[in-house]
N, C-alpha and C. Protein backbone atom coordinates (compact mmCIF):
# COMPACT_ATOMS: atom_id res chain seq x y z
N SER A 1 -4.79 -10.77 7.08
CA SER A 1 -5.74 -9.05 6.15
C SER A 1 -4.24 -8.98 5.26
N GLY A 2 -4.82 -8.11 4.11
CA GLY A 2 -4.21 -8.17 2.90
C GLY A 2 -3.90 -6.44 2.17
N ILE A 3 -3.40 -6.62 1.09
CA ILE A 3 -2.97 -5.05 0.40
C ILE A 3 -3.02 -5.71 -1.30
N ARG A 4 -3.65 -4.98 -1.91
CA ARG A 4 -4.14 -5.30 -3.57
C ARG A 4 -2.46 -4.17 -4.20
N VAL A 5 -1.84 -4.64 -4.57
CA VAL A 5 -1.01 -3.52 -5.47
C VAL A 5 -1.27 -4.01 -6.81
N PHE A 6 -1.55 -2.67 -7.65
CA PHE A 6 -1.35 -2.77 -9.19
C PHE A 6 -0.01 -2.99 -9.88
N ASN A 7 0.40 -4.21 -10.45
CA ASN A 7 1.59 -4.71 -10.92
C ASN A 7 1.22 -4.12 -12.76
N VAL A 8 2.13 -2.93 -13.08
CA VAL A 8 2.05 -2.26 -14.53
C VAL A 8 2.39 -3.15 -15.31
N LYS A 9 3.72 -4.35 -15.12
CA LYS A 9 4.17 -5.11 -15.97
C LYS A 9 2.67 -6.49 -16.60
N LYS A 10 2.07 -6.66 -15.72
CA LYS A 10 1.17 -7.61 -15.79
C LYS A 10 0.23 -7.05 -16.31
N ASN A 11 -0.18 -5.66 -15.77
CA ASN A 11 -1.75 -4.68 -16.08
C ASN A 11 -2.25 -5.81 -15.43
N SER A 12 -2.36 -6.14 -13.77
CA SER A 12 -3.35 -6.60 -13.46
C SER A 12 -3.01 -6.24 -11.51
N PHE A 13 -3.78 -6.65 -10.55
CA PHE A 13 -4.25 -6.25 -9.53
C PHE A 13 -2.97 -7.49 -8.79
N GLU A 14 -2.31 -7.38 -7.79
CA GLU A 14 -1.80 -8.84 -7.17
C GLU A 14 -2.48 -8.70 -5.86
N GLU A 15 -2.22 -9.89 -5.08
CA GLU A 15 -2.54 -9.71 -3.48
C GLU A 15 -1.54 -10.24 -2.55
N PHE A 16 -1.15 -9.49 -1.30
CA PHE A 16 -0.26 -10.08 -0.54
C PHE A 16 -0.76 -9.85 0.67
N HIS A 17 -0.18 -11.20 1.56
CA HIS A 17 -0.24 -11.21 2.95
C HIS A 17 0.24 -9.61 3.53
N LEU A 18 -0.37 -9.26 4.89
CA LEU A 18 -0.08 -7.92 4.84
C LEU A 18 0.52 -8.12 6.57
N ALA A 19 1.78 -8.04 6.81
CA ALA A 19 2.33 -7.82 7.84
C ALA A 19 2.38 -6.56 8.50
N GLY A 20 2.26 -6.41 9.99
CA GLY A 20 2.82 -5.34 10.31
C GLY A 20 1.13 -4.21 10.49
N ASP A 21 1.64 -2.69 10.63
CA ASP A 21 0.63 -1.99 10.94
C ASP A 21 -0.52 -1.73 9.67
N GLU A 22 -1.65 -2.75 9.34
CA GLU A 22 -2.09 -2.19 8.74
C GLU A 22 -2.84 -0.93 8.06
N PRO A 23 -1.99 -0.05 6.71
CA PRO A 23 -3.46 1.66 6.57
C PRO A 23 -4.41 1.17 6.46
N LEU A 24 -5.22 2.37 6.65
CA LEU A 24 -6.56 2.61 6.26
C LEU A 24 -6.84 2.25 4.96
N ALA A 25 -7.93 1.87 4.59
CA ALA A 25 -8.40 1.45 3.25
C ALA A 25 -8.85 2.98 2.62
N ARG A 26 -8.07 3.46 1.54
CA ARG A 26 -8.69 4.30 1.09
C ARG A 26 -8.91 4.62 -0.64
N PHE A 27 -8.42 5.70 -1.09
CA PHE A 27 -8.65 6.60 -2.49
C PHE A 27 -8.41 7.40 -2.87
N ARG A 28 -8.23 8.13 -3.71
CA ARG A 28 -7.60 9.45 -3.98
C ARG A 28 -6.18 10.17 -3.56
N HIS A 29 -5.53 8.60 -2.70
CA HIS A 29 -4.33 9.05 -2.20
C HIS A 29 -3.16 8.68 -3.02
N SER A 30 -1.77 9.22 -2.77
CA SER A 30 -0.55 9.42 -3.29
C SER A 30 -0.13 8.15 -3.21
N ALA A 31 0.64 6.94 -4.40
CA ALA A 31 1.73 6.68 -3.95
C ALA A 31 2.90 6.35 -4.64
N CYS A 32 4.14 6.14 -4.55
CA CYS A 32 4.87 5.66 -5.45
C CYS A 32 6.07 5.09 -5.25
N LEU A 33 7.04 4.30 -6.21
CA LEU A 33 7.52 3.42 -5.90
C LEU A 33 9.41 3.84 -5.47
N ILE A 34 9.59 3.27 -4.34
CA ILE A 34 10.74 3.59 -4.10
C ILE A 34 12.05 2.44 -3.98
N ASP A 35 13.16 2.68 -4.41
CA ASP A 35 13.81 1.29 -4.76
C ASP A 35 12.87 0.35 -5.46
N GLN A 36 13.44 -1.12 -5.77
CA GLN A 36 12.50 -1.92 -6.20
C GLN A 36 10.86 -2.32 -5.58
N ASN A 37 11.07 -2.31 -4.62
CA ASN A 37 10.09 -3.08 -3.47
C ASN A 37 9.53 -2.18 -2.67
N LYS A 38 9.88 -0.75 -2.31
CA LYS A 38 9.15 -0.25 -1.50
C LYS A 38 7.74 0.88 -2.15
N ILE A 39 6.87 1.06 -1.73
CA ILE A 39 5.58 1.78 -2.01
C ILE A 39 5.68 2.81 -1.02
N LEU A 40 5.50 3.97 -1.61
CA LEU A 40 5.01 5.19 -0.03
C LEU A 40 3.87 5.31 -0.19
N ILE A 41 2.75 5.18 0.36
CA ILE A 41 1.38 6.13 0.36
C ILE A 41 1.34 6.76 1.48
N TYR A 42 0.61 7.80 0.61
CA TYR A 42 0.29 9.23 1.68
C TYR A 42 -1.27 9.94 1.33
N GLY A 43 -1.83 9.70 2.77
CA GLY A 43 -2.69 10.63 2.33
C GLY A 43 -3.81 9.57 1.39
N GLY A 44 -5.10 10.90 1.45
CA GLY A 44 -6.40 10.16 0.23
C GLY A 44 -7.31 10.40 1.64
N TYR A 45 -8.51 9.47 1.01
CA TYR A 45 -10.14 9.90 2.04
C TYR A 45 -10.38 8.52 2.34
N TYR A 46 -11.14 8.59 3.30
CA TYR A 46 -11.60 7.71 3.75
C TYR A 46 -13.05 7.56 3.96
N ASP A 47 -14.07 6.76 3.48
CA ASP A 47 -14.94 6.49 4.01
C ASP A 47 -16.20 8.14 3.20
N ASN A 48 -15.72 8.83 2.04
CA ASN A 48 -16.34 9.81 1.15
C ASN A 48 -16.55 11.06 2.41
N GLU A 49 -15.33 10.86 3.33
CA GLU A 49 -15.82 11.88 4.60
C GLU A 49 -14.29 12.34 5.02
N ARG A 50 -13.76 11.42 5.60
CA ARG A 50 -11.95 11.49 6.58
C ARG A 50 -11.22 12.21 5.69
N ILE A 51 -10.73 13.04 5.53
CA ILE A 51 -9.44 13.27 4.79
C ILE A 51 -7.80 12.97 5.85
N LEU A 52 -7.34 11.86 4.76
CA LEU A 52 -6.61 11.16 5.75
C LEU A 52 -5.37 11.99 5.56
N ASN A 53 -4.08 11.86 6.52
CA ASN A 53 -3.20 13.00 6.55
C ASN A 53 -2.25 12.06 7.11
N ASP A 54 -1.80 10.97 6.55
CA ASP A 54 -0.84 9.87 6.91
C ASP A 54 -0.20 9.44 6.09
N ALA A 55 1.50 8.64 6.45
CA ALA A 55 1.86 7.78 5.65
C ALA A 55 2.74 6.75 6.03
N ALA A 56 2.22 5.76 4.72
CA ALA A 56 3.12 4.44 5.26
C ALA A 56 4.11 4.17 4.26
N ILE A 57 4.87 3.20 4.87
CA ILE A 57 5.43 2.76 3.43
C ILE A 57 5.50 0.81 3.37
N ILE A 58 5.55 0.89 2.58
CA ILE A 58 4.71 -0.52 1.97
C ILE A 58 6.13 -1.52 1.45
N THR A 59 6.16 -2.35 2.10
CA THR A 59 7.85 -3.22 1.87
C THR A 59 6.96 -4.33 0.98
N ILE A 60 7.13 -5.11 -0.50
CA ILE A 60 6.92 -6.17 -0.78
C ILE A 60 8.24 -7.16 -1.05
N GLN A 61 7.64 -8.19 -0.65
CA GLN A 61 8.24 -9.43 -0.76
C GLN A 61 7.88 -10.43 -1.61
N GLU A 62 7.73 -10.12 -2.93
CA GLU A 62 7.36 -11.58 -4.01
C GLU A 62 7.71 -12.46 -3.70
N THR A 63 8.76 -13.03 -3.62
CA THR A 63 9.04 -14.62 -2.69
C THR A 63 8.27 -14.72 -2.46
N MET A 64 7.56 -14.24 -1.19
CA MET A 64 6.94 -14.80 -0.03
C MET A 64 5.53 -14.50 -0.49
N ARG A 65 5.37 -13.52 -1.09
CA ARG A 65 3.87 -13.32 -1.12
C ARG A 65 3.20 -12.72 0.12
N LYS A 66 4.27 -11.78 0.48
CA LYS A 66 4.14 -10.86 1.58
C LYS A 66 4.19 -9.64 1.56
N ALA A 67 3.56 -8.26 2.05
CA ALA A 67 3.89 -7.10 2.12
C ALA A 67 4.63 -6.92 3.71
N LEU A 68 5.17 -5.63 4.06
CA LEU A 68 5.48 -5.38 5.53
C LEU A 68 4.99 -3.89 5.65
N SER A 69 4.30 -3.08 6.75
CA SER A 69 3.66 -1.68 6.39
C SER A 69 4.56 -1.32 7.75
N TYR A 70 4.75 0.32 7.13
CA TYR A 70 5.25 0.88 8.78
C TYR A 70 4.73 2.06 8.45
N HIS A 71 4.40 2.42 9.39
CA HIS A 71 3.53 4.14 9.41
C HIS A 71 4.81 4.76 9.81
N LEU A 72 4.26 6.13 9.20
CA LEU A 72 5.30 7.26 9.43
C LEU A 72 4.91 8.08 10.62
């Protein structure tokens, strides 16, 4: 499984292998950068009907091209 992260410096999406719990695919969610390599993802919509009320922290390890996911 994997995750796509938008890199604002390169103006493009980057794909990472995801280790750990995979968050549901979502849209209209909130996300913010924590430190240099952690992303907090909260809420959003799944399948146009289901409102998500969960959070996950994704730790990006660019040198290894992988991401670690932890549900809160």
